[in-house]
C-alpha atoms as a PDB file:
ATOM      1  CA  MET A   1     -29.238   4.563  19.753  1.00  0.00           C
ATOM      2  CA  PHE A   2     -27.302   7.613  20.957  1.00  0.00           C
ATOM      3  CA  ARG A   3     -23.885   7.678  22.589  1.00  0.00           C
ATOM      4  CA  PRO A   4     -22.545  10.243  25.033  1.00  0.00           C
ATOM      5  CA  VAL A   5     -20.929  13.257  23.369  1.00  0.00           C
ATOM      6  CA  ARG A   6     -17.229  13.319  24.125  1.00  0.00           C
ATOM      7  CA  THR A   7     -15.259  16.541  24.260  1.00  0.00           C
ATOM      8  CA  ARG A   8     -12.015  16.403  22.333  1.00  0.00           C
ATOM      9  CA  LYS A   9      -8.859  16.353  24.383  1.00  0.00           C
ATOM     10  CA  VAL A  10      -6.835  19.558  24.460  1.00  0.00           C
ATOM     11  CA  TYR A  11      -3.715  17.936  23.008  1.00  0.00           C
ATOM     12  CA  GLU A  12      -5.711  16.792  19.952  1.00  0.00           C
ATOM     13  CA  GLU A  13      -6.662  20.391  19.221  1.00  0.00           C
ATOM     14  CA  ILE A  14      -3.007  21.395  19.479  1.00  0.00           C
ATOM     15  CA  VAL A  15      -1.984  18.573  17.126  1.00  0.00           C
ATOM     16  CA  ASP A  16      -4.583  19.660  14.564  1.00  0.00           C
ATOM     17  CA  GLN A  17      -3.447  23.284  14.697  1.00  0.00           C
ATOM     18  CA  ILE A  18       0.203  22.408  14.144  1.00  0.00           C
ATOM     19  CA  LYS A  19      -0.629  19.996  11.314  1.00  0.00           C
ATOM     20  CA  GLN A  20      -2.758  22.671   9.641  1.00  0.00           C
ATOM     21  CA  LEU A  21       0.080  25.202   9.876  1.00  0.00           C
ATOM     22  CA  ILE A  22       2.313  22.685   8.059  1.00  0.00           C
ATOM     23  CA  ILE A  23      -0.339  22.009   5.402  1.00  0.00           C
ATOM     24  CA  ASP A  24      -0.798  25.763   4.860  1.00  0.00           C
ATOM     25  CA  GLY A  25       2.955  26.200   4.466  1.00  0.00           C
ATOM     26  CA  LYS A  26       3.266  28.452   7.506  1.00  0.00           C
ATOM     27  CA  LEU A  27       5.582  25.883   9.059  1.00  0.00           C
ATOM     28  CA  GLN A  28       8.270  24.413   6.806  1.00  0.00           C
ATOM     29  CA  PRO A  29      10.509  21.335   7.197  1.00  0.00           C
ATOM     30  CA  GLY A  30      13.335  22.265   9.564  1.00  0.00           C
ATOM     31  CA  ASP A  31      11.414  25.045  11.290  1.00  0.00           C
ATOM     32  CA  LYS A  32      11.680  25.099  15.071  1.00  0.00           C
ATOM     33  CA  LEU A  33       8.432  25.108  17.028  1.00  0.00           C
ATOM     34  CA  LEU A  34       7.774  27.319  20.015  1.00  0.00           C
ATOM     35  CA  SER A  35       8.866  25.815  23.330  1.00  0.00           C
ATOM     36  CA  GLU A  36       6.352  24.031  25.555  1.00  0.00           C
ATOM     37  CA  ARG A  37       6.182  27.076  27.817  1.00  0.00           C
ATOM     38  CA  GLU A  38       5.763  29.565  24.963  1.00  0.00           C
ATOM     39  CA  LEU A  39       3.109  27.509  23.209  1.00  0.00           C
ATOM     40  CA  SER A  40       1.175  26.833  26.398  1.00  0.00           C
ATOM     41  CA  GLU A  41       1.041  30.578  27.100  1.00  0.00           C
ATOM     42  CA  LYS A  42       0.066  31.416  23.520  1.00  0.00           C
ATOM     43  CA  LEU A  43      -2.747  28.829  23.437  1.00  0.00           C
ATOM     44  CA  ASN A  44      -3.741  29.278  27.078  1.00  0.00           C
ATOM     45  CA  VAL A  45      -3.355  25.567  27.842  1.00  0.00           C
ATOM     46  CA  SER A  46      -1.231  23.578  30.260  1.00  0.00           C
ATOM     47  CA  ARG A  47       2.344  22.600  29.445  1.00  0.00           C
ATOM     48  CA  ALA A  48       1.307  18.971  29.973  1.00  0.00           C
ATOM     49  CA  SER A  49      -1.141  19.253  27.071  1.00  0.00           C
ATOM     50  CA  VAL A  50       1.539  20.739  24.825  1.00  0.00           C
ATOM     51  CA  ARG A  51       3.975  17.999  25.857  1.00  0.00           C
ATOM     52  CA  GLU A  52       1.374  15.345  25.000  1.00  0.00           C
ATOM     53  CA  ALA A  53       0.732  16.992  21.634  1.00  0.00           C
ATOM     54  CA  PHE A  54       4.455  17.056  20.821  1.00  0.00           C
ATOM     55  CA  SER A  55       4.758  13.371  21.744  1.00  0.00           C
ATOM     56  CA  ALA A  56       1.824  12.505  19.472  1.00  0.00           C
ATOM     57  CA  LEU A  57       3.295  14.522  16.584  1.00  0.00           C
ATOM     58  CA  GLU A  58       6.654  12.818  17.011  1.00  0.00           C
ATOM     59  CA  MET A  59       5.007   9.382  16.911  1.00  0.00           C
ATOM     60  CA  MET A  60       3.226  10.407  13.686  1.00  0.00           C
ATOM     61  CA  GLY A  61       6.569  11.387  12.165  1.00  0.00           C
ATOM     62  CA  VAL A  62       5.523  15.032  11.843  1.00  0.00           C
ATOM     63  CA  ILE A  63       8.164  16.532  14.158  1.00  0.00           C
ATOM     64  CA  THR A  64      11.515  15.590  15.660  1.00  0.00           C
ATOM     65  CA  ILE A  65      12.198  16.343  19.321  1.00  0.00           C
ATOM     66  CA  ARG A  66      15.870  17.020  20.071  1.00  0.00           C
ATOM     67  CA  PRO A  67      16.615  17.160  23.817  1.00  0.00           C
ATOM     68  CA  GLY A  68      18.224  20.456  24.733  1.00  0.00           C
ATOM     69  CA  GLU A  69      17.516  21.965  21.311  1.00  0.00           C
ATOM     70  CA  GLY A  70      13.741  21.926  20.811  1.00  0.00           C
ATOM     71  CA  SER A  71      11.144  20.464  18.455  1.00  0.00           C
ATOM     72  CA  PHE A  72      11.497  20.715  14.685  1.00  0.00           C
ATOM     73  CA  VAL A  73       9.218  20.030  11.710  1.00  0.00           C
ATOM     74  CA  ARG A  74      10.386  16.935   9.860  1.00  0.00           C
ATOM     75  CA  GLN A  75      11.004  16.629   6.144  1.00  0.00           C
ATOM     76  CA  VAL A  76       7.966  14.652   4.992  1.00  0.00           C
ATOM     77  CA  SER A  77       8.625  11.731   2.666  1.00  0.00           C
ATOM     78  CA  PHE A  78       6.309   9.289   0.954  1.00  0.00           C
ATOM     79  CA  GLN A  79       7.685   6.551   3.168  1.00  0.00           C
ATOM     80  CA  GLY A  80       7.097   8.640   6.265  1.00  0.00           C
ATOM     81  CA  MET A  81       3.502   9.320   5.263  1.00  0.00           C
ATOM     82  CA  LEU A  82       2.790   5.657   4.686  1.00  0.00           C
ATOM     83  CA  GLU A  83       4.430   4.230   7.810  1.00  0.00           C
ATOM     84  CA  PRO A  84       1.345   4.915   9.985  1.00  0.00           C
ATOM     85  CA  LEU A  85      -0.832   3.311   7.293  1.00  0.00           C
ATOM     86  CA  SER A  86       1.393   0.241   7.211  1.00  0.00           C
ATOM     87  CA  PHE A  87       1.257  -0.049  11.002  1.00  0.00           C
ATOM     88  CA  PHE A  88      -2.537   0.306  10.997  1.00  0.00           C
ATOM     89  CA  MET A  89      -2.923  -2.333   8.281  1.00  0.00           C
ATOM     90  CA  GLN A  90      -0.793  -4.805  10.213  1.00  0.00           C
ATOM     91  CA  LEU A  91      -2.995  -4.297  13.277  1.00  0.00           C
ATOM     92  CA  GLU A  92      -6.393  -4.184  11.619  1.00  0.00           C
ATOM     93  CA  THR A  93      -6.182  -6.249   8.434  1.00  0.00           C
ATOM     94  CA  ASN A  94      -7.027  -9.685   9.785  1.00  0.00           C
ATOM     95  CA  ASP A  95      -8.615 -10.998   6.605  1.00  0.00           C
ATOM     96  CA  ILE A  96      -6.848 -11.436   3.275  1.00  0.00           C
ATOM     97  CA  MET A  97     -10.093 -10.605   1.452  1.00  0.00           C
ATOM     98  CA  TYR A  98      -9.820  -6.980   2.596  1.00  0.00           C
ATOM     99  CA  LEU A  99      -6.384  -6.725   1.014  1.00  0.00           C
ATOM    100  CA  LEU A 100      -7.625  -8.279  -2.206  1.00  0.00           C
ATOM    101  CA  GLU A 101     -10.410  -5.692  -2.375  1.00  0.00           C
ATOM    102  CA  VAL A 102      -7.814  -2.936  -2.025  1.00  0.00           C
ATOM    103  CA  ARG A 103      -5.670  -4.547  -4.708  1.00  0.00           C
ATOM    104  CA  LYS A 104      -8.589  -4.569  -7.158  1.00  0.00           C
ATOM    105  CA  ILE A 105      -9.082  -0.848  -6.652  1.00  0.00           C
ATOM    106  CA  ILE A 106      -5.427   0.194  -6.799  1.00  0.00           C
ATOM    107  CA  GLU A 107      -3.913  -2.222  -9.291  1.00  0.00           C
ATOM    108  CA  SER A 108      -6.638  -1.936 -11.923  1.00  0.00           C
ATOM    109  CA  GLU A 109      -6.012   1.802 -12.236  1.00  0.00           C
ATOM    110  CA  THR A 110      -2.267   1.241 -11.916  1.00  0.00           C
ATOM    111  CA  ALA A 111      -2.333  -1.006 -14.988  1.00  0.00           C
ATOM    112  CA  ALA A 112      -4.243   1.676 -16.901  1.00  0.00           C
ATOM    113  CA  LEU A 113      -1.626   4.280 -15.956  1.00  0.00           C
ATOM    114  CA  ALA A 114       1.161   1.893 -16.964  1.00  0.00           C
ATOM    115  CA  ALA A 115      -0.419   1.509 -20.406  1.00  0.00           C
ATOM    116  CA  VAL A 116      -0.059   5.256 -20.863  1.00  0.00           C
ATOM    117  CA  ARG A 117       3.264   5.912 -19.098  1.00  0.00           C
ATOM    118  CA  ALA A 118       5.395   2.767 -19.422  1.00  0.00           C
ATOM    119  CA  THR A 119       8.850   3.285 -20.910  1.00  0.00           C
ATOM    120  CA  PRO A 120      10.655   0.603 -22.975  1.00  0.00           C
ATOM    121  CA  GLN A 121      12.656  -0.184 -19.829  1.00  0.00           C
ATOM    122  CA  ASP A 122       9.430  -0.637 -17.847  1.00  0.00           C
ATOM    123  CA  LEU A 123       8.034  -2.998 -20.468  1.00  0.00           C
ATOM    124  CA  GLY A 124      11.266  -4.975 -20.389  1.00  0.00           C
ATOM    125  CA  ALA A 125      10.992  -5.397 -16.603  1.00  0.00           C
ATOM    126  CA  ILE A 126       7.376  -6.590 -16.857  1.00  0.00           C
ATOM    127  CA  HIS A 127       8.296  -9.086 -19.583  1.00  0.00           C
ATOM    128  CA  ARG A 128      11.251 -10.416 -17.565  1.00  0.00           C
ATOM    129  CA  ALA A 129       8.900 -11.048 -14.644  1.00  0.00           C
ATOM    130  CA  LEU A 130       6.649 -13.073 -16.964  1.00  0.00           C
ATOM    131  CA  ASN A 131       9.615 -15.207 -17.995  1.00  0.00           C
ATOM    132  CA  GLU A 132      10.652 -15.572 -14.362  1.00  0.00           C
ATOM    133  CA  MET A 133       7.247 -17.107 -13.572  1.00  0.00           C
ATOM    134  CA  LEU A 134       7.732 -19.722 -16.301  1.00  0.00           C
ATOM    135  CA  GLU A 135      11.302 -20.472 -15.209  1.00  0.00           C
ATOM    136  CA  GLU A 136      10.184 -20.968 -11.598  1.00  0.00           C
ATOM    137  CA  VAL A 137       7.484 -23.428 -12.605  1.00  0.00           C
ATOM    138  CA  ALA A 138       9.876 -25.302 -14.921  1.00  0.00           C
ATOM    139  CA  ALA A 139      12.277 -25.643 -11.982  1.00  0.00           C
ATOM    140  CA  GLY A 140       9.535 -27.121  -9.792  1.00  0.00           C
ATOM    141  CA  GLY A 141       8.510 -23.906  -8.066  1.00  0.00           C
ATOM    142  CA  LEU A 142       5.120 -22.209  -7.862  1.00  0.00           C
ATOM    143  CA  GLY A 143       5.886 -19.067  -9.818  1.00  0.00           C
ATOM    144  CA  ASP A 144       4.791 -16.843  -6.941  1.00  0.00           C
ATOM    145  CA  VAL A 145       8.094 -14.933  -6.813  1.00  0.00           C
ATOM    146  CA  GLY A 146       7.777 -14.011 -10.482  1.00  0.00           C
ATOM    147  CA  ASP A 147       4.138 -13.129  -9.882  1.00  0.00           C
ATOM    148  CA  THR A 148       5.115 -10.616  -7.194  1.00  0.00           C
ATOM    149  CA  ALA A 149       7.847  -9.197  -9.443  1.00  0.00           C
ATOM    150  CA  PHE A 150       5.283  -8.748 -12.231  1.00  0.00           C
ATOM    151  CA  HIS A 151       2.897  -6.683 -10.093  1.00  0.00           C
ATOM    152  CA  PHE A 152       5.763  -4.545  -8.784  1.00  0.00           C
ATOM    153  CA  ALA A 153       6.987  -3.969 -12.349  1.00  0.00           C
ATOM    154  CA  VAL A 154       3.510  -2.836 -13.424  1.00  0.00           C
ATOM    155  CA  ALA A 155       3.352  -0.496 -10.415  1.00  0.00           C
ATOM    156  CA  ARG A 156       6.732   1.015 -11.313  1.00  0.00           C
ATOM    157  CA  ALA A 157       5.578   1.420 -14.909  1.00  0.00           C
ATOM    158  CA  ALA A 158       2.810   3.728 -13.683  1.00  0.00           C
ATOM    159  CA  ASN A 159       5.639   6.103 -12.691  1.00  0.00           C
ATOM    160  CA  ASN A 160       3.908   7.296  -9.529  1.00  0.00           C
ATOM    161  CA  PRO A 161       6.057   7.033  -6.365  1.00  0.00           C
ATOM    162  CA  VAL A 162       3.036   6.956  -4.041  1.00  0.00           C
ATOM    163  CA  ILE A 163       1.653   3.915  -5.858  1.00  0.00           C
ATOM    164  CA  ASN A 164       5.038   2.205  -5.479  1.00  0.00           C
ATOM    165  CA  GLN A 165       4.967   2.697  -1.711  1.00  0.00           C
ATOM    166  CA  LEU A 166       1.362   1.521  -1.406  1.00  0.00           C
ATOM    167  CA  MET A 167       2.203  -1.597  -3.400  1.00  0.00           C
ATOM    168  CA  SER A 168       5.202  -2.289  -1.171  1.00  0.00           C
ATOM    169  CA  THR A 169       3.037  -2.030   1.945  1.00  0.00           C
ATOM    170  CA  ILE A 170       0.380  -4.370   0.559  1.00  0.00           C
ATOM    171  CA  ALA A 171       2.898  -6.841  -0.860  1.00  0.00           C
ATOM    172  CA  ASP A 172       4.763  -7.069   2.445  1.00  0.00           C
ATOM    173  CA  LEU A 173       1.528  -8.006   4.211  1.00  0.00           C
ATOM    174  CA  MET A 174       0.627 -10.528   1.518  1.00  0.00           C
ATOM    175  CA  LYS A 175       4.059 -12.157   1.694  1.00  0.00           C
ATOM    176  CA  GLY A 176       4.222 -12.172   5.479  1.00  0.00           C
ATOM    177  CA  THR A 177       0.852 -12.677   7.101  1.00  0.00           C
ATOM    178  CA  TYR A 178      -0.852 -14.490   4.226  1.00  0.00           C
ATOM    179  CA  ARG A 179       2.026 -16.364   2.595  1.00  0.00           C
ATOM    180  CA  ALA A 180       0.567 -19.835   3.294  1.00  0.00           C
ATOM    181  CA  THR A 181      -2.836 -18.952   1.813  1.00  0.00           C
ATOM    182  CA  ARG A 182      -1.205 -17.359  -1.204  1.00  0.00           C
ATOM    183  CA  GLN A 183       0.951 -20.420  -1.859  1.00  0.00           C
ATOM    184  CA  LYS A 184      -2.108 -22.674  -1.700  1.00  0.00           C
ATOM    185  CA  LEU A 185      -3.597 -20.606  -4.506  1.00  0.00           C
ATOM    186  CA  PHE A 186      -0.734 -21.635  -6.789  1.00  0.00           C
ATOM    187  CA  LEU A 187      -1.352 -25.299  -5.958  1.00  0.00           C
ATOM    188  CA  VAL A 188      -4.874 -25.230  -7.410  1.00  0.00           C
ATOM    189  CA  GLN A 189      -5.087 -27.459 -10.472  1.00  0.00           C
ATOM    190  CA  ASP A 190      -3.791 -25.678 -13.596  1.00  0.00           C
ATOM    191  CA  MET A 191      -3.567 -22.370 -11.706  1.00  0.00           C
ATOM    192  CA  THR A 192       0.034 -21.554 -12.653  1.00  0.00           C
ATOM    193  CA  ARG A 193      -0.808 -21.729 -16.372  1.00  0.00           C
ATOM    194  CA  VAL A 194      -3.961 -19.677 -15.966  1.00  0.00           C
ATOM    195  CA  ILE A 195      -2.194 -17.019 -13.889  1.00  0.00           C
ATOM    196  CA  HIS A 196       0.620 -16.759 -16.425  1.00  0.00           C
ATOM    197  CA  ASN A 197      -1.874 -16.358 -19.297  1.00  0.00           C
ATOM    198  CA  GLN A 198      -3.737 -13.658 -17.390  1.00  0.00           C
ATOM    199  CA  HIS A 199      -0.486 -11.808 -16.738  1.00  0.00           C
ATOM    200  CA  LEU A 200       0.450 -12.103 -20.409  1.00  0.00           C
ATOM    201  CA  GLU A 201      -2.871 -10.480 -21.374  1.00  0.00           C
ATOM    202  CA  ILE A 202      -2.180  -7.627 -18.944  1.00  0.00           C
ATOM    203  CA  TYR A 203       1.312  -7.179 -20.379  1.00  0.00           C
ATOM    204  CA  ASN A 204       0.038  -7.134 -23.968  1.00  0.00           C
ATOM    205  CA  ALA A 205      -2.562  -4.493 -23.110  1.00  0.00           C
ATOM    206  CA  ILE A 206       0.092  -2.302 -21.466  1.00  0.00           C
ATOM    207  CA  ALA A 207       2.564  -2.828 -24.328  1.00  0.00           C
ATOM    208  CA  ASN A 208      -0.165  -1.846 -26.818  1.00  0.00           C
ATOM    209  CA  ASN A 209      -0.882   1.363 -24.877  1.00  0.00           C
ATOM    210  CA  ASP A 210      -4.482   0.330 -24.218  1.00  0.00           C
ATOM    211  CA  PRO A 211      -5.431   1.640 -20.750  1.00  0.00           C
ATOM    212  CA  TYR A 212      -9.035   0.434 -20.968  1.00  0.00           C
ATOM    213  CA  LEU A 213      -8.007  -3.155 -21.754  1.00  0.00           C
ATOM    214  CA  ALA A 214      -5.149  -3.089 -19.219  1.00  0.00           C
ATOM    215  CA  ARG A 215      -7.566  -1.977 -16.487  1.00  0.00           C
ATOM    216  CA  MET A 216     -10.094  -4.660 -17.458  1.00  0.00           C
ATOM    217  CA  LYS A 217      -7.556  -7.496 -17.663  1.00  0.00           C
ATOM    218  CA  MET A 218      -5.986  -6.609 -14.316  1.00  0.00           C
ATOM    219  CA  LYS A 219      -9.388  -6.505 -12.655  1.00  0.00           C
ATOM    220  CA  GLU A 220     -10.408  -9.830 -14.225  1.00  0.00           C
ATOM    221  CA  HIS A 221      -7.210 -11.398 -12.916  1.00  0.00           C
ATOM    222  CA  LEU A 222      -7.661 -10.068  -9.378  1.00  0.00           C
ATOM    223  CA  VAL A 223     -11.341 -11.061  -9.299  1.00  0.00           C
ATOM    224  CA  ARG A 224     -10.284 -14.617 -10.211  1.00  0.00           C
ATOM    225  CA  VAL A 225      -7.637 -14.581  -7.477  1.00  0.00           C
ATOM    226  CA  GLU A 226     -10.219 -13.287  -5.004  1.00  0.00           C
ATOM    227  CA  GLU A 227     -12.738 -15.995  -5.922  1.00  0.00           C
ATOM    228  CA  ASN A 228     -10.240 -18.824  -5.595  1.00  0.00           C
ATOM    229  CA  THR A 229      -8.792 -17.445  -2.367  1.00  0.00           C
ATOM    230  CA  LEU A 230     -12.301 -17.406  -0.899  1.00  0.00           C
ATOM    231  CA  HIS A 231     -12.714 -21.066  -1.852  1.00  0.00           C
ATOM    232  CA  ILE A 232      -9.387 -21.895  -0.224  1.00  0.00           C
ATOM    233  CA  LYS A 233     -10.495 -20.185   2.979  1.00  0.00           C
ATOM    234  CA  ASN A 234     -13.679 -22.265   2.983  1.00  0.00           C
ATOM    235  CA  ASP A 235     -11.655 -25.494   2.631  1.00  0.00           C
ATOM    236  CA  ASN A 236     -14.721 -27.676   2.043  1.00  0.00           C
ATOM    237  CA  ILE A 237     -15.170 -26.483  -1.532  1.00  0.00           C
ATOM    238  CA  THR A 238     -13.387 -28.303  -4.362  1.00  0.00           C
ATOM    239  CA  LEU A 239     -11.373 -25.939  -6.492  1.00  0.00           C
ATOM    240  CA  HIS A 240     -11.530 -25.967 -10.237  1.00  0.00           C
ATOM    241  CA  VAL A 241     -10.069 -23.490 -12.659  1.00  0.00           C
ATOM    242  CA  LYS A 242     -11.813 -22.929 -15.957  1.00  0.00           C
ATOM    243  CA  ASN A 243      -9.647 -23.454 -19.009  1.00  0.00           C
ATOM    244  CA  GLN A 244      -8.388 -20.227 -20.472  1.00  0.00           C
END
């Protein structure tokens, strides 16, 4: 039932202290940190521990180590903050269903925000993505490129740069690791028509500035995608899409 209690490593304590100083604003982007020798004396730890802490902070994108000059606090960007998350997701997300759960949470609220914040230009981009889906299908394609463009356009319409980066991370995984499964979804009987109609309902809710309906329609769409993806994974279940 119980596991041995493990003492935290010294370098982890150093990492936490430096990160907290940055969060508190006591260290600013561009500031130079104390040298390994100075910090080891100040904290009463070995230089090896400080060196390990600096290496960990550099890998996290928190500091930059310049040989011969010292270690400096990096300018934090949204992309920089999300790179470790992207790396973790690529390592740990071995099931598309986990990603779909995350999409339900993020994109439902994103659609609601878009209904409140979308500009005429944003609405135009969402509508063009809808037309792109139809044009792809008419040309013999699946419409999946237009589908991706639609969800990105909705994310941009929320006018939140963090959401944009999260969507990019998730979409890259969907397109890369799970591309085959995702394409099978579009091959389900009548699926392209149903997906287009669902996207049209989402667009109309956003265009009518109805955040409640936009949230509901996005969630309904992603629940349907989740259900059919689960059937595809099980292979032995015949897929049918209810008429919309």
